[in-house]
C-alpha atoms as a PDB file:
ATOM      1  CA  UNK A   1      -6.876  -4.647  -5.746  1.00  0.00           C
ATOM      2  CA  UNK A   2      -5.984  -3.959  -9.487  1.00  0.00           C
ATOM      3  CA  UNK A   3      -2.833  -5.624 -10.842  1.00  0.00           C
ATOM      4  CA  UNK A   4       0.225  -4.706  -9.191  1.00  0.00           C
ATOM      5  CA  UNK A   5      -1.374  -2.440  -6.443  1.00  0.00           C
ATOM      6  CA  UNK A   6       0.748  -2.148  -3.279  1.00  0.00           C
ATOM      7  CA  UNK A   7      -0.474  -3.652  -0.017  1.00  0.00           C
ATOM      8  CA  UNK A   8       0.777  -2.415   3.348  1.00  0.00           C
ATOM      9  CA  UNK A   9      -0.078  -4.792   6.107  1.00  0.00           C
ATOM     10  CA  UNK A  10       0.925  -6.027   9.544  1.00  0.00           C
ATOM     11  CA  UNK A  11       2.192  -9.563   9.981  1.00  0.00           C
ATOM     12  CA  UNK A  12       4.365 -11.410  12.685  1.00  0.00           C
ATOM     13  CA  UNK A  13       5.236  -8.172  14.477  1.00  0.00           C
ATOM     14  CA  UNK A  14       6.359  -6.304  11.355  1.00  0.00           C
ATOM     15  CA  UNK A  15       4.732  -3.893   8.839  1.00  0.00           C
ATOM     16  CA  UNK A  16       5.230  -5.082   5.439  1.00  0.00           C
ATOM     17  CA  UNK A  17       4.738  -4.113   1.741  1.00  0.00           C
ATOM     18  CA  UNK A  18       3.800  -6.548  -1.038  1.00  0.00           C
ATOM     19  CA  UNK A  19       2.843  -5.825  -4.547  1.00  0.00           C
ATOM     20  CA  UNK A  20      -0.274  -7.743  -5.776  1.00  0.00           C
ATOM     21  CA  UNK A  21       0.611 -11.199  -7.244  1.00  0.00           C
ATOM     22  CA  UNK A  22       3.800 -11.512  -5.043  1.00  0.00           C
ATOM     23  CA  UNK A  23       3.905 -14.328  -2.498  1.00  0.00           C
ATOM     24  CA  UNK A  24       6.487 -12.525  -0.362  1.00  0.00           C
ATOM     25  CA  UNK A  25       6.791  -8.948   0.962  1.00  0.00           C
ATOM     26  CA  UNK A  26       9.219  -6.610  -0.804  1.00  0.00           C
ATOM     27  CA  UNK A  27      10.042  -4.706   2.211  1.00  0.00           C
ATOM     28  CA  UNK A  28       9.790  -5.160   6.186  1.00  0.00           C
ATOM     29  CA  UNK A  29       9.686  -2.121   8.551  1.00  0.00           C
ATOM     30  CA  UNK A  30       9.522  -1.741  12.405  1.00  0.00           C
ATOM     31  CA  UNK A  31       6.875   0.964  12.216  1.00  0.00           C
ATOM     32  CA  UNK A  32       3.707   1.506  10.229  1.00  0.00           C
ATOM     33  CA  UNK A  33       4.903   5.066   9.356  1.00  0.00           C
ATOM     34  CA  UNK A  34       8.113   3.550   7.569  1.00  0.00           C
ATOM     35  CA  UNK A  35       6.090   0.974   5.784  1.00  0.00           C
ATOM     36  CA  UNK A  36       3.468   3.449   4.558  1.00  0.00           C
ATOM     37  CA  UNK A  37       6.176   5.760   3.199  1.00  0.00           C
ATOM     38  CA  UNK A  38       8.019   2.870   1.433  1.00  0.00           C
ATOM     39  CA  UNK A  39       4.734   1.584   0.055  1.00  0.00           C
ATOM     40  CA  UNK A  40       3.762   5.092  -1.227  1.00  0.00           C
ATOM     41  CA  UNK A  41       7.112   5.315  -3.025  1.00  0.00           C
ATOM     42  CA  UNK A  42       6.509   2.018  -4.673  1.00  0.00           C
ATOM     43  CA  UNK A  43       2.936   2.799  -5.694  1.00  0.00           C
ATOM     44  CA  UNK A  44       3.973   6.217  -7.170  1.00  0.00           C
ATOM     45  CA  UNK A  45       6.868   4.459  -9.006  1.00  0.00           C
ATOM     46  CA  UNK A  46       4.406   1.898 -10.574  1.00  0.00           C
ATOM     47  CA  UNK A  47       1.558   4.186 -10.876  1.00  0.00           C
ATOM     48  CA  UNK A  48      -0.711   1.912  -8.919  1.00  0.00           C
ATOM     49  CA  UNK A  49      -3.070   1.887  -5.891  1.00  0.00           C
ATOM     50  CA  UNK A  50      -1.655   1.890  -2.337  1.00  0.00           C
ATOM     51  CA  UNK A  51      -3.886  -0.055   0.131  1.00  0.00           C
ATOM     52  CA  UNK A  52      -2.932   0.535   3.657  1.00  0.00           C
ATOM     53  CA  UNK A  53      -4.403  -1.968   6.170  1.00  0.00           C
ATOM     54  CA  UNK A  54      -4.858  -1.514   9.938  1.00  0.00           C
ATOM     55  CA  UNK A  55      -3.245  -3.811  12.384  1.00  0.00           C
ATOM     56  CA  UNK A  56      -6.368  -5.977  12.350  1.00  0.00           C
ATOM     57  CA  UNK A  57      -6.164  -6.508   8.687  1.00  0.00           C
ATOM     58  CA  UNK A  58      -9.087  -4.109   7.662  1.00  0.00           C
ATOM     59  CA  UNK A  59      -8.561  -1.577   5.100  1.00  0.00           C
ATOM     60  CA  UNK A  60      -7.720   1.825   6.665  1.00  0.00           C
ATOM     61  CA  UNK A  61      -6.769   3.864   3.589  1.00  0.00           C
ATOM     62  CA  UNK A  62      -6.441   3.726  -0.185  1.00  0.00           C
ATOM     63  CA  UNK A  63      -4.528   6.155  -2.368  1.00  0.00           C
ATOM     64  CA  UNK A  64      -4.295   6.029  -6.272  1.00  0.00           C
ATOM     65  CA  UNK A  65      -1.220   7.038  -8.023  1.00  0.00           C
ATOM     66  CA  UNK A  66      -1.068   9.202 -10.050  1.00  0.00           C
ATOM     67  CA  UNK A  67      -4.050  11.056  -8.635  1.00  0.00           C
ATOM     68  CA  UNK A  68      -5.555  11.559 -12.122  1.00  0.00           C
ATOM     69  CA  UNK A  69      -6.286   7.806 -12.160  1.00  0.00           C
ATOM     70  CA  UNK A  70      -8.430   7.909  -9.165  1.00  0.00           C
ATOM     71  CA  UNK A  71     -12.041   6.918 -10.065  1.00  0.00           C
ATOM     72  CA  UNK A  72     -13.523   9.078  -7.307  1.00  0.00           C
ATOM     73  CA  UNK A  73     -13.797  12.722  -8.111  1.00  0.00           C
ATOM     74  CA  UNK A  74     -13.517  14.117  -4.664  1.00  0.00           C
ATOM     75  CA  UNK A  75     -10.734  16.109  -3.126  1.00  0.00           C
ATOM     76  CA  UNK A  76      -8.429  14.392  -0.609  1.00  0.00           C
END
């Protein structure tokens, strides 16, 4: 992850968001959807990448904000 990227992950029965470099989560949620929304808001606010992990810890999705910073030139 680049500096400050937001990581959405599952730990101890909760979905959490943590900016890269932080030891602790900045937010905790009961559902993945809630955590994704909060993580997306953080990434948009900071202009970073949002890395969404599956429950098993593998990367499920990555989104770059703003979209103009995305190194891949494909729609979606």
